[in-house]
Amino acid sequence: MAQFSYKIKTRAGVLQTGIREAASSAILAEQLRLDGNIIIELTEVHKPLEQSPANAPWYSLGWLKPVRSLDVELGLRELAYMLRSGVPIVAALQTVEEQAESPRAALVWSRVRTRISQGASVSDALASEKGVFADEQIQLAIAGEHTGELEQVFTRAANQLEARRKLRMTVINALVYPVLALLLAFAVSIYLVVSVIPKMAQFLQQGNAELPALTQVLVDISEWLHLNALPLAIAIGGTVLAWIIVRMYPLGRILEDAFLLRLPIAGKVLRLSATTNFARTMSLLIESGVTLMDSLRVSANMLENRCLRAMVEEARERVIKGESLAQALRPAKEFMPMLSRMTAVAETTGDLSETFKEVAEFHDTLLGIVVRRLSVVMEPIMILITGVVVGFVYLAFFMALFTMGTMQ
């Protein structure tokens, strides 16, 4: 709802001014005319936006910053707080726009505010910003418009974004650290073999000493890498290019995601993360009044793993054909087993929302335990691998020096 300042002449010929809320200026004008008034002036009331980031000059570096999920989360939380305090939604959106961290985010909120001022619904205004607001937030806005509880659904949407952000960081921390540690060990090994060992071998061979077997192995590896550097680089580049091409096709992406789910350690982390994400989204949507079919469709779209997304879409089709939700989810073995079992219990008790919430909380806790265990185990393993590689090279070097010393 927007606020409009009006100046009218009543039936008695008296000039009257005031401020009134309405969905649009056309609707307010119609209401005033029905009361027998003559409209002299009708303008929307809003504060000046000189301080809005959306008014930043075109050369500002702030325009390079994209609209992040965090920007949406903070904006929805601010909206919920102001709506709960009785602030009209147009005025609330204007405040969110002024407090946005980047010009692009401010521009998004400005366009949403303008569309609502022109008579569009909140859900339609959010849906018009493709790529910024997810289908989940749009469905929640529709539910909030039907129930009149926009502030509650905005709070739930912000909480969901926050939970998903924390979940993503948990998964990243679990998977990125081992990968970075392995890459570091690999880079150190390549540097030693390609750069250090040839100089070491040249220095040792000047003394006409026979290199120890350990040192000779490193020298042979170094020479082989120097001779085959170009073919090896072409092979690696071709493999990466082939992988990128395969990922461009839906089937290739599904096969890749299915392979990731079956990895020994990373697969369990991804399965726990997906189960938590799916259950939490289902709980949020059902609690907010979204239908089961729409909840399944939105929850499938929120899953980043294409393999799991296809399974949820298939489960939705089976529910449409008459199967229970638990039966439809049972073939999706990539989800944790508790999901389908608890869903069967929930369908008996009729409390799907609360059950999905408990499933999400349980697997979120379990994911935290797995990540902590993984970090405790992987850190010494990575240190051991790096130490073995570097120690092997230094041992070979000093063995060669010792051999030269004894010969002299």
Protein backbone atom coordinates (compact mmCIF):
# COMPACT_ATOMS: atom_id res chain seq x y z
CA MET A 1 0.00 0.00 0.00
CA ALA A 2 1.19 3.51 -0.89
CA GLN A 3 0.46 6.83 0.77
CA PHE A 4 -1.08 9.66 -1.29
CA SER A 5 -1.55 13.32 -0.48
CA TYR A 6 -4.83 14.67 -1.85
CA LYS A 7 -6.63 17.99 -2.20
CA ILE A 8 -10.35 17.78 -2.92
CA LYS A 9 -13.52 19.85 -2.94
CA THR A 10 -16.32 18.14 -1.04
CA ARG A 11 -20.00 18.11 -1.98
CA ALA A 12 -20.46 21.12 0.28
CA GLY A 13 -17.80 23.01 -1.68
CA VAL A 14 -15.24 22.88 1.14
CA LEU A 15 -11.57 22.46 0.25
CA GLN A 16 -10.03 19.56 2.11
CA THR A 17 -6.53 18.08 2.20
CA GLY A 18 -5.17 14.90 3.73
CA ILE A 19 -3.12 11.73 3.37
CA ARG A 20 -4.61 8.31 2.70
CA GLU A 21 -3.29 4.82 1.89
CA ALA A 22 -4.29 2.99 -1.27
CA ALA A 23 -2.95 0.32 -3.59
CA SER A 24 -2.64 2.88 -6.39
CA SER A 25 -3.56 6.46 -7.26
CA ALA A 26 -6.31 5.25 -9.62
CA ILE A 27 -8.00 3.25 -6.85
CA LEU A 28 -7.85 6.17 -4.41
CA ALA A 29 -9.20 8.57 -7.03
CA GLU A 30 -12.15 6.26 -7.65
CA GLN A 31 -12.86 6.05 -3.92
CA LEU A 32 -12.80 9.83 -3.55
CA ARG A 33 -15.12 10.34 -6.52
CA LEU A 34 -17.60 7.78 -5.17
CA ASP A 35 -17.89 9.96 -2.05
CA GLY A 36 -18.93 12.88 -4.25
CA ASN A 37 -15.63 14.74 -4.09
CA ILE A 38 -13.91 16.68 -6.86
CA ILE A 39 -10.21 15.86 -7.04
CA ILE A 40 -7.99 18.89 -7.35
CA GLU A 41 -4.61 17.33 -6.63
CA LEU A 42 -3.44 13.77 -5.95
CA THR A 43 0.24 12.90 -5.47
CA GLU A 44 2.15 10.03 -3.90
CA VAL A 45 3.90 10.81 -0.63
CA HIS A 46 7.47 9.64 -0.31
CA LYS A 47 10.71 10.93 1.08
CA PRO A 48 13.38 12.29 -1.25
CA LEU A 49 15.90 9.70 -2.36
CA GLU A 50 19.01 11.86 -2.69
CA GLN A 51 20.87 9.49 -0.35
CA SER A 52 19.76 6.31 -2.10
CA PRO A 53 22.58 4.20 -3.55
CA ALA A 54 20.41 3.79 -6.66
CA ASN A 55 21.18 7.45 -7.43
CA ALA A 56 24.93 6.83 -7.47
CA PRO A 57 26.68 8.18 -10.59
CA TRP A 58 27.20 5.74 -13.46
CA TYR A 59 30.97 5.73 -12.96
CA SER A 60 30.68 4.59 -9.33
CA LEU A 61 32.51 1.32 -8.63
CA GLY A 62 29.51 0.22 -6.58
CA TRP A 63 27.69 -0.72 -9.78
CA LEU A 64 30.19 -3.54 -10.27
CA LYS A 65 28.94 -5.26 -7.12
CA PRO A 66 26.17 -7.75 -7.99
CA VAL A 67 23.00 -8.27 -5.96
CA ARG A 68 23.83 -11.00 -3.47
CA SER A 69 21.60 -13.38 -1.57
CA LEU A 70 22.68 -11.52 1.56
CA ASP A 71 21.24 -8.28 0.13
CA VAL A 72 17.87 -9.99 -0.36
CA GLU A 73 18.03 -11.52 3.11
CA LEU A 74 18.73 -8.20 4.84
CA GLY A 75 16.09 -6.40 2.77
CA LEU A 76 13.39 -8.95 3.60
CA ARG A 77 14.28 -8.81 7.28
CA GLU A 78 14.07 -5.01 7.30
CA LEU A 79 10.74 -5.16 5.46
CA ALA A 80 9.31 -7.63 7.99
CA TYR A 81 10.36 -5.47 10.92
CA MET A 82 8.87 -2.28 9.46
CA LEU A 83 5.61 -3.97 8.39
CA ARG A 84 5.28 -5.40 11.90
CA SER A 85 5.68 -1.87 13.25
CA GLY A 86 2.86 -0.57 11.04
CA VAL A 87 4.92 1.12 8.33
CA PRO A 88 3.18 1.00 4.89
CA ILE A 89 4.92 -1.32 2.48
CA VAL A 90 5.81 1.40 -0.04
CA ALA A 91 7.44 3.51 2.66
CA ALA A 92 9.18 0.40 4.01
CA LEU A 93 10.55 -0.43 0.56
CA GLN A 94 11.81 3.11 0.22
CA THR A 95 13.72 2.74 3.50
CA VAL A 96 15.18 -0.58 2.35
CA GLU A 97 16.23 1.07 -0.88
CA GLU A 98 17.99 3.89 0.95
CA GLN A 99 19.82 1.47 3.25
CA ALA A 100 20.94 -0.95 0.53
CA GLU A 101 24.69 -1.53 0.41
CA SER A 102 25.07 -1.40 -3.37
CA PRO A 103 23.47 0.64 -6.19
CA ARG A 104 22.25 -2.50 -7.94
CA ALA A 105 20.46 -3.77 -4.84
CA ALA A 106 18.94 -0.32 -4.27
CA LEU A 107 17.76 -0.23 -7.88
CA VAL A 108 16.04 -3.61 -7.45
CA TRP A 109 14.13 -2.42 -4.38
CA SER A 110 13.30 0.83 -6.17
CA ARG A 111 11.73 -1.04 -9.10
CA VAL A 112 9.77 -3.27 -6.70
CA ARG A 113 8.48 -0.17 -4.87
CA THR A 114 7.48 1.52 -8.14
CA ARG A 115 5.53 -1.49 -9.38
CA ILE A 116 3.64 -1.83 -6.10
CA SER A 117 2.86 1.90 -6.16
CA GLN A 118 1.40 1.40 -9.64
CA GLY A 119 -0.96 -1.29 -8.37
CA ALA A 120 1.00 -4.54 -8.79
CA SER A 121 0.88 -7.17 -6.06
CA VAL A 122 3.93 -7.82 -3.92
CA SER A 123 4.44 -11.26 -5.43
CA ASP A 124 4.20 -9.92 -9.00
CA ALA A 125 6.66 -7.13 -8.17
CA LEU A 126 9.16 -9.65 -6.78
CA ALA A 127 8.62 -12.04 -9.70
CA SER A 128 9.47 -9.27 -12.16
CA GLU A 129 13.02 -9.17 -10.77
CA LYS A 130 14.21 -12.40 -12.37
CA GLY A 131 17.44 -13.79 -11.00
CA VAL A 132 17.18 -11.79 -7.77
CA PHE A 133 14.21 -13.29 -5.94
CA ALA A 134 13.88 -17.06 -5.96
CA ASP A 135 10.62 -18.90 -6.62
CA GLU A 136 10.58 -19.71 -2.92
CA GLN A 137 10.27 -16.03 -1.90
CA ILE A 138 7.63 -15.42 -4.57
CA GLN A 139 5.49 -18.34 -3.36
CA LEU A 140 5.81 -17.11 0.21
CA ALA A 141 4.73 -13.63 -0.86
CA ILE A 142 1.66 -15.11 -2.57
CA ALA A 143 0.81 -17.00 0.62
CA GLY A 144 1.35 -13.86 2.69
CA GLU A 145 -0.98 -11.84 0.45
CA HIS A 146 -3.70 -14.46 0.82
CA THR A 147 -3.36 -14.66 4.61
CA GLY A 148 -2.53 -11.02 5.27
CA GLU A 149 0.69 -12.01 7.06
CA LEU A 150 3.36 -10.53 4.81
CA GLU A 151 5.61 -9.62 7.74
CA GLN A 152 5.63 -13.25 8.93
CA VAL A 153 6.43 -14.75 5.54
CA PHE A 154 9.16 -12.16 4.96
CA THR A 155 10.71 -13.14 8.29
CA ARG A 156 10.53 -16.82 7.37
CA ALA A 157 12.05 -16.14 3.96
CA ALA A 158 14.92 -14.18 5.56
CA ASN A 159 15.49 -16.94 8.11
CA GLN A 160 15.55 -19.51 5.32
CA LEU A 161 18.14 -17.51 3.39
CA GLU A 162 20.24 -17.19 6.52
CA ALA A 163 20.02 -20.92 7.23
CA ARG A 164 20.91 -21.74 3.62
CA ARG A 165 23.88 -19.33 3.75
CA LYS A 166 25.21 -20.96 6.93
CA LEU A 167 24.66 -24.41 5.45
CA ARG A 168 26.56 -23.45 2.31
CA MET A 169 29.47 -22.13 4.39
CA THR A 170 29.52 -25.36 6.41
CA VAL A 171 29.76 -27.44 3.23
CA ILE A 172 32.42 -25.16 1.75
CA ASN A 173 34.51 -25.36 4.91
CA ALA A 174 34.19 -29.14 4.88
CA LEU A 175 35.20 -29.63 1.24
CA VAL A 176 37.41 -26.71 0.31
CA TYR A 177 40.06 -27.10 3.03
CA PRO A 178 41.13 -30.64 2.02
CA VAL A 179 41.14 -29.63 -1.65
CA LEU A 180 43.27 -26.54 -1.00
CA ALA A 181 45.67 -28.53 1.17
CA LEU A 182 46.09 -31.16 -1.56
CA LEU A 183 46.61 -28.49 -4.20
CA LEU A 184 49.24 -26.84 -2.01
CA ALA A 185 51.08 -30.14 -1.54
CA PHE A 186 50.86 -30.77 -5.29
CA ALA A 187 52.17 -27.28 -6.09
CA VAL A 188 55.09 -27.68 -3.69
CA SER A 189 55.92 -31.05 -5.22
CA ILE A 190 55.82 -29.70 -8.78
CA TYR A 191 58.02 -26.74 -7.82
CA LEU A 192 60.62 -28.99 -6.18
CA VAL A 193 60.67 -31.49 -9.04
CA VAL A 194 60.72 -28.92 -11.85
CA SER A 195 62.87 -26.16 -10.36
CA VAL A 196 64.89 -27.30 -7.37
CA ILE A 197 65.86 -30.85 -8.29
CA PRO A 198 67.47 -30.04 -11.71
CA LYS A 199 69.73 -27.43 -10.05
CA MET A 200 70.54 -29.88 -7.29
CA ALA A 201 71.40 -32.63 -9.79
CA GLN A 202 73.58 -30.26 -11.84
CA PHE A 203 75.48 -29.26 -8.70
CA LEU A 204 75.99 -32.85 -7.58
CA GLN A 205 77.02 -34.13 -10.99
CA GLN A 206 79.84 -31.57 -11.09
CA GLY A 207 81.61 -33.62 -8.44
CA ASN A 208 81.47 -36.72 -10.64
CA ALA A 209 79.72 -38.55 -7.84
CA GLU A 210 77.26 -41.34 -8.42
CA LEU A 211 73.89 -40.22 -7.21
CA PRO A 212 72.12 -42.32 -4.58
CA ALA A 213 69.10 -44.30 -5.78
CA LEU A 214 66.67 -41.99 -3.96
CA THR A 215 68.20 -38.91 -5.56
CA GLN A 216 68.33 -40.54 -8.99
CA VAL A 217 64.57 -41.28 -8.84
CA LEU A 218 63.83 -37.59 -8.29
CA VAL A 219 66.18 -36.57 -11.08
CA ASP A 220 64.51 -39.03 -13.48
CA ILE A 221 61.06 -37.71 -12.56
CA SER A 222 62.25 -34.14 -13.12
CA GLU A 223 63.75 -34.96 -16.52
CA TRP A 224 60.60 -36.79 -17.59
CA LEU A 225 58.43 -33.79 -16.65
CA HIS A 226 60.69 -31.44 -18.60
CA LEU A 227 60.55 -33.65 -21.68
CA ASN A 228 56.79 -34.23 -21.55
CA ALA A 229 55.62 -30.88 -20.20
CA LEU A 230 53.82 -29.83 -23.39
CA PRO A 231 51.95 -33.15 -24.02
CA LEU A 232 51.04 -33.29 -20.34
CA ALA A 233 49.69 -29.73 -20.39
CA ILE A 234 47.68 -30.50 -23.56
CA ALA A 235 46.25 -33.65 -21.95
CA ILE A 236 45.24 -31.78 -18.80
CA GLY A 237 43.77 -28.91 -20.80
CA GLY A 238 41.84 -31.32 -23.04
CA THR A 239 40.45 -33.15 -20.02
CA VAL A 240 39.28 -29.89 -18.44
CA LEU A 241 37.74 -28.73 -21.73
CA ALA A 242 35.94 -32.05 -22.18
CA TRP A 243 34.61 -31.80 -18.65
CA ILE A 244 33.31 -28.26 -19.31
CA ILE A 245 31.61 -29.38 -22.53
CA VAL A 246 29.95 -32.35 -20.81
CA ARG A 247 28.67 -30.06 -18.04
CA MET A 248 26.95 -27.88 -20.64
CA TYR A 249 24.43 -30.66 -21.33
CA PRO A 250 21.71 -31.53 -18.76
CA LEU A 251 22.51 -35.25 -18.84
CA GLY A 252 26.21 -34.58 -18.31
CA ARG A 253 25.47 -32.33 -15.33
CA ILE A 254 23.17 -34.95 -13.82
CA LEU A 255 25.83 -37.67 -14.22
CA GLU A 256 28.44 -35.39 -12.65
CA ASP A 257 26.19 -34.59 -9.68
CA ALA A 258 25.35 -38.28 -9.24
CA PHE A 259 29.08 -39.09 -9.20
CA LEU A 260 29.73 -36.42 -6.55
CA LEU A 261 27.05 -37.90 -4.30
CA ARG A 262 28.85 -41.26 -4.38
CA LEU A 263 32.26 -39.97 -3.33
CA PRO A 264 33.39 -41.51 -0.01
CA ILE A 265 33.56 -38.39 2.20
CA ALA A 266 32.36 -35.47 0.09
CA GLY A 267 29.31 -37.48 -0.99
CA LYS A 268 28.01 -37.82 2.56
CA VAL A 269 28.51 -34.11 3.20
CA LEU A 270 26.57 -33.25 0.02
CA ARG A 271 23.76 -35.71 0.86
CA LEU A 272 23.38 -34.30 4.37
CA SER A 273 23.38 -30.76 2.99
CA ALA A 274 20.76 -31.56 0.33
CA THR A 275 18.50 -33.39 2.80
CA THR A 276 18.68 -30.45 5.22
CA ASN A 277 17.99 -27.93 2.46
CA PHE A 278 15.04 -29.88 1.02
CA ALA A 279 13.41 -30.57 4.39
CA ARG A 280 13.81 -26.99 5.60
CA THR A 281 12.34 -25.57 2.38
CA MET A 282 9.37 -27.96 2.51
CA SER A 283 8.72 -27.07 6.15
CA LEU A 284 8.81 -23.35 5.44
CA LEU A 285 6.51 -23.48 2.42
CA ILE A 286 3.93 -25.84 3.95
CA GLU A 287 3.87 -23.83 7.18
CA SER A 288 3.22 -20.67 5.16
CA GLY A 289 0.21 -22.20 3.39
CA VAL A 290 1.78 -23.16 0.06
CA THR A 291 0.24 -26.30 -1.46
CA LEU A 292 2.16 -29.58 -1.41
CA MET A 293 2.56 -29.65 -5.19
CA ASP A 294 3.93 -26.10 -5.32
CA SER A 295 6.15 -26.83 -2.31
CA LEU A 296 7.68 -29.84 -4.09
CA ARG A 297 8.21 -27.83 -7.27
CA VAL A 298 9.89 -24.94 -5.45
CA SER A 299 11.95 -27.26 -3.23
CA ALA A 300 13.23 -29.10 -6.30
CA ASN A 301 14.32 -25.84 -7.90
CA MET A 302 16.18 -24.83 -4.73
CA LEU A 303 18.38 -27.93 -4.88
CA GLU A 304 21.74 -27.26 -6.53
CA ASN A 305 22.39 -30.93 -7.26
CA ARG A 306 20.68 -31.73 -10.58
CA CYS A 307 20.43 -35.44 -9.82
CA LEU A 308 18.47 -34.81 -6.61
CA ARG A 309 16.40 -32.15 -8.36
CA ALA A 310 15.32 -34.69 -10.98
CA MET A 311 14.38 -37.15 -8.23
CA VAL A 312 12.17 -34.62 -6.44
CA GLU A 313 10.51 -33.67 -9.73
CA GLU A 314 9.84 -37.35 -10.37
CA ALA A 315 8.46 -37.73 -6.85
CA ARG A 316 6.12 -34.80 -7.50
CA GLU A 317 4.79 -36.50 -10.63
CA ARG A 318 4.17 -39.69 -8.65
CA VAL A 319 2.26 -37.76 -5.98
CA ILE A 320 0.11 -36.21 -8.71
CA LYS A 321 -0.69 -39.74 -9.90
CA GLY A 322 -1.95 -40.68 -6.44
CA GLU A 323 1.00 -42.05 -4.48
CA SER A 324 1.75 -40.85 -0.97
CA LEU A 325 4.66 -38.46 -0.51
CA ALA A 326 6.63 -41.04 1.50
CA GLN A 327 6.24 -43.64 -1.26
CA ALA A 328 7.23 -41.10 -3.89
CA LEU A 329 10.40 -40.09 -2.00
CA ARG A 330 11.47 -43.64 -1.13
CA PRO A 331 13.23 -44.33 -4.50
CA ALA A 332 15.37 -41.21 -3.94
CA LYS A 333 18.13 -43.15 -2.18
CA GLU A 334 20.55 -40.24 -2.48
CA PHE A 335 18.63 -38.44 0.27
CA MET A 336 19.30 -39.63 3.80
CA PRO A 337 16.98 -42.59 4.70
CA MET A 338 15.33 -40.73 7.57
CA LEU A 339 13.60 -38.36 5.15
CA SER A 340 11.14 -40.85 3.63
CA ARG A 341 10.60 -42.66 6.94
CA MET A 342 9.70 -39.48 8.85
CA THR A 343 7.53 -38.35 5.94
CA ALA A 344 5.49 -41.55 6.29
CA VAL A 345 5.01 -40.79 10.00
CA ALA A 346 4.04 -37.19 9.21
CA GLU A 347 1.40 -38.27 6.69
CA THR A 348 -0.13 -40.42 9.42
CA THR A 349 -0.17 -37.62 12.00
CA GLY A 350 -0.98 -34.87 9.48
CA ASP A 351 1.89 -32.58 10.60
CA LEU A 352 4.17 -32.41 7.59
CA SER A 353 5.59 -28.97 8.36
CA GLU A 354 6.79 -29.78 11.87
CA THR A 355 8.19 -33.16 10.79
CA PHE A 356 10.19 -31.66 7.93
CA LYS A 357 11.49 -29.05 10.36
CA GLU A 358 12.70 -31.76 12.76
CA VAL A 359 14.31 -33.68 9.89
CA ALA A 360 16.15 -30.52 8.80
CA GLU A 361 17.38 -29.74 12.31
CA PHE A 362 18.55 -33.34 12.87
CA HIS A 363 20.55 -33.51 9.65
CA ASP A 364 21.90 -30.00 10.16
CA THR A 365 23.29 -31.10 13.53
CA LEU A 366 24.64 -34.30 11.99
CA LEU A 367 26.30 -32.30 9.22
CA GLY A 368 28.04 -30.13 11.81
CA ILE A 369 29.37 -33.24 13.56
CA VAL A 370 30.65 -34.72 10.28
CA VAL A 371 32.37 -31.45 9.34
CA ARG A 372 34.09 -31.18 12.73
CA ARG A 373 35.29 -34.77 12.53
CA LEU A 374 36.45 -34.24 8.97
CA SER A 375 38.47 -31.15 9.89
CA VAL A 376 40.06 -32.95 12.86
CA VAL A 377 41.07 -35.91 10.68
CA MET A 378 42.05 -34.08 7.48
CA GLU A 379 44.36 -31.49 9.03
CA PRO A 380 47.01 -33.96 10.27
CA ILE A 381 46.66 -36.00 7.07
CA MET A 382 47.37 -32.94 4.92
CA ILE A 383 50.31 -31.99 7.11
CA LEU A 384 51.63 -35.54 6.86
CA ILE A 385 51.32 -35.62 3.06
CA THR A 386 53.07 -32.27 2.64
CA GLY A 387 55.75 -33.27 5.12
CA VAL A 388 56.40 -36.58 3.36
CA VAL A 389 56.76 -34.91 -0.04
CA VAL A 390 59.09 -32.16 1.16
CA GLY A 391 60.99 -34.51 3.47
CA PHE A 392 61.54 -37.00 0.65
CA VAL A 393 63.13 -34.33 -1.52
CA TYR A 394 65.37 -33.01 1.25
CA LEU A 395 66.40 -36.52 2.27
CA ALA A 396 67.42 -37.28 -1.29
CA PHE A 397 69.39 -34.03 -1.46
CA PHE A 398 71.31 -34.57 1.77
CA MET A 399 72.00 -38.21 0.91
CA ALA A 400 73.67 -36.99 -2.27
CA LEU A 401 75.70 -34.41 -0.35
CA PHE A 402 76.75 -37.05 2.14
CA THR A 403 77.86 -39.34 -0.69
CA MET A 404 79.99 -36.56 -2.20
CA GLY A 405 81.55 -35.83 1.17
CA THR A 406 82.56 -39.41 1.79
CA MET A 407 84.08 -39.75 -1.66
CA GLN A 408 86.27 -36.69 -1.14
